[in-house]
Amino acid sequence: HVRNYSSGEWSTLATEAGLVVKQLLTDRLPLEFSSWVARMRTPEPLVEAIRLYQQSASAEVKAYFELQEDGSFTSDTIP
């Protein structure tokens, strides 16, 4: 896949389909960087670019995604 829909996008899709969203549950998924990029078959130059991007992120972004020194992070999920 290219990307996951955000919770807001899912809510909009449901509403546009005539459904009523009464409750939206969310969770956080911890992702270990090395296994994540291996699983996605990310080419090494892009792995390096992701790491540089993570390292240049603001403190707010690093806190939100719980970025670790090894590149591991958490991602929002809808269970």
PDB file of N, CA and C in Angstrom:
ATOM      1  N   HIS A   1       0.832  -1.187   0.000  1.00  0.00           N
ATOM      2  CA  HIS A   1       0.000   0.000   0.000  1.00  0.00           C
ATOM      3  C   HIS A   1       0.873   1.245   0.000  1.00  0.00           C
ATOM      4  N   VAL A   2       0.291   2.341  -0.384  1.00  0.00           N
ATOM      5  CA  VAL A   2       1.031   3.596  -0.434  1.00  0.00           C
ATOM      6  C   VAL A   2       0.996   4.280   0.918  1.00  0.00           C
ATOM      7  N   ARG A   3      -0.175   4.341   1.523  1.00  0.00           N
ATOM      8  CA  ARG A   3      -0.306   4.931   2.855  1.00  0.00           C
ATOM      9  C   ARG A   3      -1.624   4.483   3.465  1.00  0.00           C
ATOM     10  N   ASN A   4      -1.741   4.653   4.766  1.00  0.00           N
ATOM     11  CA  ASN A   4      -2.980   4.342   5.471  1.00  0.00           C
ATOM     12  C   ASN A   4      -3.849   5.583   5.546  1.00  0.00           C
ATOM     13  N   TYR A   5      -5.153   5.396   5.504  1.00  0.00           N
ATOM     14  CA  TYR A   5      -6.063   6.523   5.719  1.00  0.00           C
ATOM     15  C   TYR A   5      -5.985   6.968   7.176  1.00  0.00           C
ATOM     16  N   SER A   6      -6.106   8.264   7.416  1.00  0.00           N
ATOM     17  CA  SER A   6      -6.154   8.789   8.785  1.00  0.00           C
ATOM     18  C   SER A   6      -7.538   8.520   9.362  1.00  0.00           C
ATOM     19  N   SER A   7      -7.664   8.649  10.674  1.00  0.00           N
ATOM     20  CA  SER A   7      -8.973   8.451  11.306  1.00  0.00           C
ATOM     21  C   SER A   7      -9.989   9.453  10.768  1.00  0.00           C
ATOM     22  N   GLY A   8      -9.555  10.672  10.501  1.00  0.00           N
ATOM     23  CA  GLY A   8     -10.450  11.680   9.931  1.00  0.00           C
ATOM     24  C   GLY A   8     -10.929  11.300   8.541  1.00  0.00           C
ATOM     25  N   GLU A   9     -10.024  10.724   7.753  1.00  0.00           N
ATOM     26  CA  GLU A   9     -10.408  10.288   6.404  1.00  0.00           C
ATOM     27  C   GLU A   9     -11.411   9.139   6.462  1.00  0.00           C
ATOM     28  N   TRP A  10     -11.194   8.182   7.376  1.00  0.00           N
ATOM     29  CA  TRP A  10     -12.153   7.083   7.532  1.00  0.00           C
ATOM     30  C   TRP A  10     -13.517   7.619   7.954  1.00  0.00           C
ATOM     31  N   SER A  11     -13.506   8.561   8.880  1.00  0.00           N
ATOM     32  CA  SER A  11     -14.755   9.159   9.351  1.00  0.00           C
ATOM     33  C   SER A  11     -15.492   9.850   8.204  1.00  0.00           C
ATOM     34  N   THR A  12     -14.761  10.595   7.397  1.00  0.00           N
ATOM     35  CA  THR A  12     -15.364  11.279   6.244  1.00  0.00           C
ATOM     36  C   THR A  12     -15.930  10.275   5.249  1.00  0.00           C
ATOM     37  N   LEU A  13     -15.177   9.224   4.952  1.00  0.00           N
ATOM     38  CA  LEU A  13     -15.654   8.199   4.022  1.00  0.00           C
ATOM     39  C   LEU A  13     -16.941   7.554   4.529  1.00  0.00           C
ATOM     40  N   ALA A  14     -16.992   7.249   5.824  1.00  0.00           N
ATOM     41  CA  ALA A  14     -18.192   6.641   6.403  1.00  0.00           C
ATOM     42  C   ALA A  14     -19.376   7.593   6.316  1.00  0.00           C
ATOM     43  N   THR A  15     -19.155   8.852   6.666  1.00  0.00           N
ATOM     44  CA  THR A  15     -20.222   9.857   6.626  1.00  0.00           C
ATOM     45  C   THR A  15     -20.725  10.054   5.200  1.00  0.00           C
ATOM     46  N   GLU A  16     -19.810  10.137   4.248  1.00  0.00           N
ATOM     47  CA  GLU A  16     -20.203  10.311   2.845  1.00  0.00           C
ATOM     48  C   GLU A  16     -20.965   9.103   2.306  1.00  0.00           C
ATOM     49  N   ALA A  17     -20.764   7.940   2.924  1.00  0.00           N
ATOM     50  CA  ALA A  17     -21.479   6.726   2.519  1.00  0.00           C
ATOM     51  C   ALA A  17     -22.826   6.608   3.225  1.00  0.00           C
ATOM     52  N   GLY A  18     -23.180   7.628   4.026  1.00  0.00           N
ATOM     53  CA  GLY A  18     -24.462   7.626   4.715  1.00  0.00           C
ATOM     54  C   GLY A  18     -24.449   6.939   6.065  1.00  0.00           C
ATOM     55  N   LEU A  19     -23.274   6.627   6.567  1.00  0.00           N
ATOM     56  CA  LEU A  19     -23.159   5.984   7.876  1.00  0.00           C
ATOM     57  C   LEU A  19     -22.969   7.038   8.958  1.00  0.00           C
ATOM     58  N   VAL A  20     -23.311   6.673  10.179  1.00  0.00           N
ATOM     59  CA  VAL A  20     -23.141   7.570  11.317  1.00  0.00           C
ATOM     60  C   VAL A  20     -22.036   7.008  12.204  1.00  0.00           C
ATOM     61  N   VAL A  21     -20.998   7.790  12.415  1.00  0.00           N
ATOM     62  CA  VAL A  21     -19.894   7.380  13.285  1.00  0.00           C
ATOM     63  C   VAL A  21     -20.248   7.804  14.700  1.00  0.00           C
ATOM     64  N   LYS A  22     -20.458   6.819  15.574  1.00  0.00           N
ATOM     65  CA  LYS A  22     -20.797   7.116  16.964  1.00  0.00           C
ATOM     66  C   LYS A  22     -19.560   7.154  17.845  1.00  0.00           C
ATOM     67  N   GLN A  23     -18.568   6.361  17.488  1.00  0.00           N
ATOM     68  CA  GLN A  23     -17.358   6.295  18.296  1.00  0.00           C
ATOM     69  C   GLN A  23     -16.202   5.881  17.393  1.00  0.00           C
ATOM     70  N   LEU A  24     -15.050   6.477  17.607  1.00  0.00           N
ATOM     71  CA  LEU A  24     -13.863   6.133  16.832  1.00  0.00           C
ATOM     72  C   LEU A  24     -12.762   5.747  17.810  1.00  0.00           C
ATOM     73  N   LEU A  25     -12.357   4.497  17.753  1.00  0.00           N
ATOM     74  CA  LEU A  25     -11.300   4.011  18.626  1.00  0.00           C
ATOM     75  C   LEU A  25      -9.964   4.132  17.910  1.00  0.00           C
ATOM     76  N   THR A  26      -8.959   4.571  18.630  1.00  0.00           N
ATOM     77  CA  THR A  26      -7.615   4.654  18.068  1.00  0.00           C
ATOM     78  C   THR A  26      -6.627   3.990  19.016  1.00  0.00           C
ATOM     79  N   ASP A  27      -5.478   3.659  18.499  1.00  0.00           N
ATOM     80  CA  ASP A  27      -4.430   3.032  19.294  1.00  0.00           C
ATOM     81  C   ASP A  27      -3.088   3.461  18.705  1.00  0.00           C
ATOM     82  N   ARG A  28      -2.011   3.039  19.331  1.00  0.00           N
ATOM     83  CA  ARG A  28      -0.661   3.337  18.840  1.00  0.00           C
ATOM     84  C   ARG A  28       0.041   2.010  18.564  1.00  0.00           C
ATOM     85  N   LEU A  29       0.740   1.936  17.443  1.00  0.00           N
ATOM     86  CA  LEU A  29       1.463   0.736  17.051  1.00  0.00           C
ATOM     87  C   LEU A  29       2.961   1.023  17.085  1.00  0.00           C
ATOM     88  N   PRO A  30       3.705   0.346  17.970  1.00  0.00           N
ATOM     89  CA  PRO A  30       5.155   0.532  17.974  1.00  0.00           C
ATOM     90  C   PRO A  30       5.776  -0.209  16.784  1.00  0.00           C
ATOM     91  N   LEU A  31       6.684   0.455  16.082  1.00  0.00           N
ATOM     92  CA  LEU A  31       7.359  -0.148  14.932  1.00  0.00           C
ATOM     93  C   LEU A  31       8.870  -0.076  15.130  1.00  0.00           C
ATOM     94  N   GLU A  32       9.517  -1.232  15.108  1.00  0.00           N
ATOM     95  CA  GLU A  32      10.971  -1.306  15.229  1.00  0.00           C
ATOM     96  C   GLU A  32      11.547  -0.998  13.851  1.00  0.00           C
ATOM     97  N   PHE A  33      12.396   0.017  13.780  1.00  0.00           N
ATOM     98  CA  PHE A  33      12.833   0.569  12.500  1.00  0.00           C
ATOM     99  C   PHE A  33      13.466  -0.461  11.568  1.00  0.00           C
ATOM    100  N   SER A  34      14.454  -1.198  12.042  1.00  0.00           N
ATOM    101  CA  SER A  34      15.183  -2.130  11.168  1.00  0.00           C
ATOM    102  C   SER A  34      14.265  -3.171  10.549  1.00  0.00           C
ATOM    103  N   SER A  35      13.397  -3.766  11.359  1.00  0.00           N
ATOM    104  CA  SER A  35      12.492  -4.783  10.811  1.00  0.00           C
ATOM    105  C   SER A  35      11.431  -4.145   9.914  1.00  0.00           C
ATOM    106  N   TRP A  36      11.031  -2.913  10.230  1.00  0.00           N
ATOM    107  CA  TRP A  36      10.028  -2.216   9.412  1.00  0.00           C
ATOM    108  C   TRP A  36      10.561  -1.951   8.004  1.00  0.00           C
ATOM    109  N   VAL A  37      11.768  -1.379   7.893  1.00  0.00           N
ATOM    110  CA  VAL A  37      12.308  -1.086   6.559  1.00  0.00           C
ATOM    111  C   VAL A  37      12.642  -2.374   5.805  1.00  0.00           C
ATOM    112  N   ALA A  38      13.041  -3.428   6.523  1.00  0.00           N
ATOM    113  CA  ALA A  38      13.307  -4.718   5.875  1.00  0.00           C
ATOM    114  C   ALA A  38      12.007  -5.306   5.325  1.00  0.00           C
ATOM    115  N   ARG A  39      10.958  -5.259   6.123  1.00  0.00           N
ATOM    116  CA  ARG A  39       9.649  -5.787   5.715  1.00  0.00           C
ATOM    117  C   ARG A  39       9.103  -5.043   4.494  1.00  0.00           C
ATOM    118  N   MET A  40       9.362  -3.736   4.441  1.00  0.00           N
ATOM    119  CA  MET A  40       8.889  -2.917   3.324  1.00  0.00           C
ATOM    120  C   MET A  40       9.837  -2.962   2.124  1.00  0.00           C
ATOM    121  N   ARG A  41      10.965  -3.686   2.287  1.00  0.00           N
ATOM    122  CA  ARG A  41      11.991  -3.782   1.241  1.00  0.00           C
ATOM    123  C   ARG A  41      12.445  -2.396   0.780  1.00  0.00           C
ATOM    124  N   THR A  42      12.690  -1.545   1.757  1.00  0.00           N
ATOM    125  CA  THR A  42      13.100  -0.172   1.472  1.00  0.00           C
ATOM    126  C   THR A  42      14.552  -0.148   0.998  1.00  0.00           C
ATOM    127  N   PRO A  43      14.821   0.438  -0.160  1.00  0.00           N
ATOM    128  CA  PRO A  43      16.210   0.531  -0.639  1.00  0.00           C
ATOM    129  C   PRO A  43      17.066   1.345   0.342  1.00  0.00           C
ATOM    130  N   GLU A  44      18.326   0.973   0.472  1.00  0.00           N
ATOM    131  CA  GLU A  44      19.226   1.605   1.440  1.00  0.00           C
ATOM    132  C   GLU A  44      19.282   3.131   1.321  1.00  0.00           C
ATOM    133  N   PRO A  45      19.339   3.711   0.115  1.00  0.00           N
ATOM    134  CA  PRO A  45      19.349   5.180   0.045  1.00  0.00           C
ATOM    135  C   PRO A  45      18.092   5.807   0.675  1.00  0.00           C
ATOM    136  N   LEU A  46      16.953   5.137   0.542  1.00  0.00           N
ATOM    137  CA  LEU A  46      15.728   5.661   1.153  1.00  0.00           C
ATOM    138  C   LEU A  46      15.713   5.444   2.662  1.00  0.00           C
ATOM    139  N   VAL A  47      16.317   4.345   3.127  1.00  0.00           N
ATOM    140  CA  VAL A  47      16.453   4.128   4.573  1.00  0.00           C
ATOM    141  C   VAL A  47      17.254   5.280   5.171  1.00  0.00           C
ATOM    142  N   GLU A  48      18.347   5.642   4.519  1.00  0.00           N
ATOM    143  CA  GLU A  48      19.180   6.751   4.992  1.00  0.00           C
ATOM    144  C   GLU A  48      18.404   8.069   4.959  1.00  0.00           C
ATOM    145  N   ALA A  49      17.601   8.263   3.924  1.00  0.00           N
ATOM    146  CA  ALA A  49      16.794   9.490   3.825  1.00  0.00           C
ATOM    147  C   ALA A  49      15.756   9.552   4.939  1.00  0.00           C
ATOM    148  N   ILE A  50      15.132   8.422   5.252  1.00  0.00           N
ATOM    149  CA  ILE A  50      14.147   8.388   6.340  1.00  0.00           C
ATOM    150  C   ILE A  50      14.819   8.751   7.656  1.00  0.00           C
ATOM    151  N   ARG A  51      16.002   8.171   7.904  1.00  0.00           N
ATOM    152  CA  ARG A  51      16.730   8.458   9.151  1.00  0.00           C
ATOM    153  C   ARG A  51      17.091   9.942   9.238  1.00  0.00           C
ATOM    154  N   LEU A  52      17.540  10.533   8.143  1.00  0.00           N
ATOM    155  CA  LEU A  52      17.861  11.966   8.146  1.00  0.00           C
ATOM    156  C   LEU A  52      16.606  12.798   8.402  1.00  0.00           C
ATOM    157  N   TYR A  53      15.517  12.396   7.799  1.00  0.00           N
ATOM    158  CA  TYR A  53      14.238  13.089   7.992  1.00  0.00           C
ATOM    159  C   TYR A  53      13.814  13.010   9.459  1.00  0.00           C
ATOM    160  N   GLN A  54      13.936  11.827  10.052  1.00  0.00           N
ATOM    161  CA  GLN A  54      13.594  11.664  11.469  1.00  0.00           C
ATOM    162  C   GLN A  54      14.480  12.550  12.343  1.00  0.00           C
ATOM    163  N   GLN A  55      15.769  12.556  12.059  1.00  0.00           N
ATOM    164  CA  GLN A  55      16.709  13.318  12.875  1.00  0.00           C
ATOM    165  C   GLN A  55      16.477  14.819  12.776  1.00  0.00           C
ATOM    166  N   SER A  56      15.948  15.274  11.653  1.00  0.00           N
ATOM    167  CA  SER A  56      15.708  16.710  11.474  1.00  0.00           C
ATOM    168  C   SER A  56      14.315  17.141  11.940  1.00  0.00           C
ATOM    169  N   ALA A  57      13.520  16.185  12.415  1.00  0.00           N
ATOM    170  CA  ALA A  57      12.154  16.504  12.855  1.00  0.00           C
ATOM    171  C   ALA A  57      12.177  17.408  14.085  1.00  0.00           C
ATOM    172  N   SER A  58      11.126  18.192  14.237  1.00  0.00           N
ATOM    173  CA  SER A  58      11.004  19.069  15.405  1.00  0.00           C
ATOM    174  C   SER A  58      10.814  18.232  16.668  1.00  0.00           C
ATOM    175  N   ALA A  59      11.046  18.844  17.800  1.00  0.00           N
ATOM    176  CA  ALA A  59      10.853  18.166  19.085  1.00  0.00           C
ATOM    177  C   ALA A  59       9.409  17.695  19.230  1.00  0.00           C
ATOM    178  N   GLU A  60       8.471  18.502  18.741  1.00  0.00           N
ATOM    179  CA  GLU A  60       7.049  18.138  18.825  1.00  0.00           C
ATOM    180  C   GLU A  60       6.753  16.868  18.018  1.00  0.00           C
ATOM    181  N   VAL A  61       7.295  16.787  16.823  1.00  0.00           N
ATOM    182  CA  VAL A  61       7.091  15.608  15.972  1.00  0.00           C
ATOM    183  C   VAL A  61       7.772  14.390  16.592  1.00  0.00           C
ATOM    184  N   LYS A  62       8.994  14.562  17.084  1.00  0.00           N
ATOM    185  CA  LYS A  62       9.708  13.455  17.724  1.00  0.00           C
ATOM    186  C   LYS A  62       8.935  12.927  18.925  1.00  0.00           C
ATOM    187  N   ALA A  63       8.348  13.820  19.692  1.00  0.00           N
ATOM    188  CA  ALA A  63       7.570  13.403  20.860  1.00  0.00           C
ATOM    189  C   ALA A  63       6.293  12.681  20.425  1.00  0.00           C
ATOM    190  N   TYR A  64       5.600  13.228  19.435  1.00  0.00           N
ATOM    191  CA  TYR A  64       4.337  12.630  18.996  1.00  0.00           C
ATOM    192  C   TYR A  64       4.538  11.203  18.494  1.00  0.00           C
ATOM    193  N   PHE A  65       5.559  11.006  17.660  1.00  0.00           N
ATOM    194  CA  PHE A  65       5.812   9.684  17.098  1.00  0.00           C
ATOM    195  C   PHE A  65       6.720   8.831  17.981  1.00  0.00           C
ATOM    196  N   GLU A  66       7.108   9.366  19.146  1.00  0.00           N
ATOM    197  CA  GLU A  66       7.957   8.658  20.098  1.00  0.00           C
ATOM    198  C   GLU A  66       9.201   8.106  19.390  1.00  0.00           C
ATOM    199  N   LEU A  67       9.831   8.975  18.581  1.00  0.00           N
ATOM    200  CA  LEU A  67      11.016   8.565  17.824  1.00  0.00           C
ATOM    201  C   LEU A  67      12.142   8.156  18.768  1.00  0.00           C
ATOM    202  N   GLN A  68      12.756   7.016  18.476  1.00  0.00           N
ATOM    203  CA  GLN A  68      13.861   6.494  19.266  1.00  0.00           C
ATOM    204  C   GLN A  68      15.174   6.721  18.515  1.00  0.00           C
ATOM    205  N   GLU A  69      16.291   6.612  19.226  1.00  0.00           N
ATOM    206  CA  GLU A  69      17.607   6.810  18.617  1.00  0.00           C
ATOM    207  C   GLU A  69      17.855   5.849  17.453  1.00  0.00           C
ATOM    208  N   ASP A  70      17.310   4.626  17.545  1.00  0.00           N
ATOM    209  CA  ASP A  70      17.526   3.638  16.480  1.00  0.00           C
ATOM    210  C   ASP A  70      16.546   3.798  15.317  1.00  0.00           C
ATOM    211  N   GLY A  71      15.689   4.825  15.371  1.00  0.00           N
ATOM    212  CA  GLY A  71      14.729   5.069  14.301  1.00  0.00           C
ATOM    213  C   GLY A  71      13.359   4.477  14.552  1.00  0.00           C
ATOM    214  N   SER A  72      13.228   3.645  15.576  1.00  0.00           N
ATOM    215  CA  SER A  72      11.925   3.063  15.900  1.00  0.00           C
ATOM    216  C   SER A  72      10.953   4.168  16.278  1.00  0.00           C
ATOM    217  N   PHE A  73       9.660   3.915  16.099  1.00  0.00           N
ATOM    218  CA  PHE A  73       8.652   4.948  16.331  1.00  0.00           C
ATOM    219  C   PHE A  73       7.291   4.307  16.557  1.00  0.00           C
ATOM    220  N   THR A  74       6.303   5.111  16.887  1.00  0.00           N
ATOM    221  CA  THR A  74       4.929   4.625  16.990  1.00  0.00           C
ATOM    222  C   THR A  74       4.086   5.295  15.918  1.00  0.00           C
ATOM    223  N   SER A  75       3.029   4.604  15.532  1.00  0.00           N
ATOM    224  CA  SER A  75       2.129   5.099  14.495  1.00  0.00           C
ATOM    225  C   SER A  75       0.692   4.976  14.985  1.00  0.00           C
ATOM    226  N   ASP A  76      -0.160   5.908  14.575  1.00  0.00           N
ATOM    227  CA  ASP A  76      -1.577   5.835  14.919  1.00  0.00           C
ATOM    228  C   ASP A  76      -2.237   4.681  14.173  1.00  0.00           C
ATOM    229  N   THR A  77      -3.155   4.001  14.840  1.00  0.00           N
ATOM    230  CA  THR A  77      -3.915   2.929  14.198  1.00  0.00           C
ATOM    231  C   THR A  77      -5.377   3.020  14.605  1.00  0.00           C
ATOM    232  N   ILE A  78      -6.211   2.401  13.805  1.00  0.00           N
ATOM    233  CA  ILE A  78      -7.621   2.224  14.148  1.00  0.00           C
ATOM    234  C   ILE A  78      -7.817   0.717  14.261  1.00  0.00           C
ATOM    235  N   PRO A  79      -8.012   0.211  15.489  1.00  0.00           N
ATOM    236  CA  PRO A  79      -8.113  -1.252  15.655  1.00  0.00           C
ATOM    237  C   PRO A  79      -9.361  -1.831  15.016  1.00  0.00           C
TER     238      PRO A  79
END
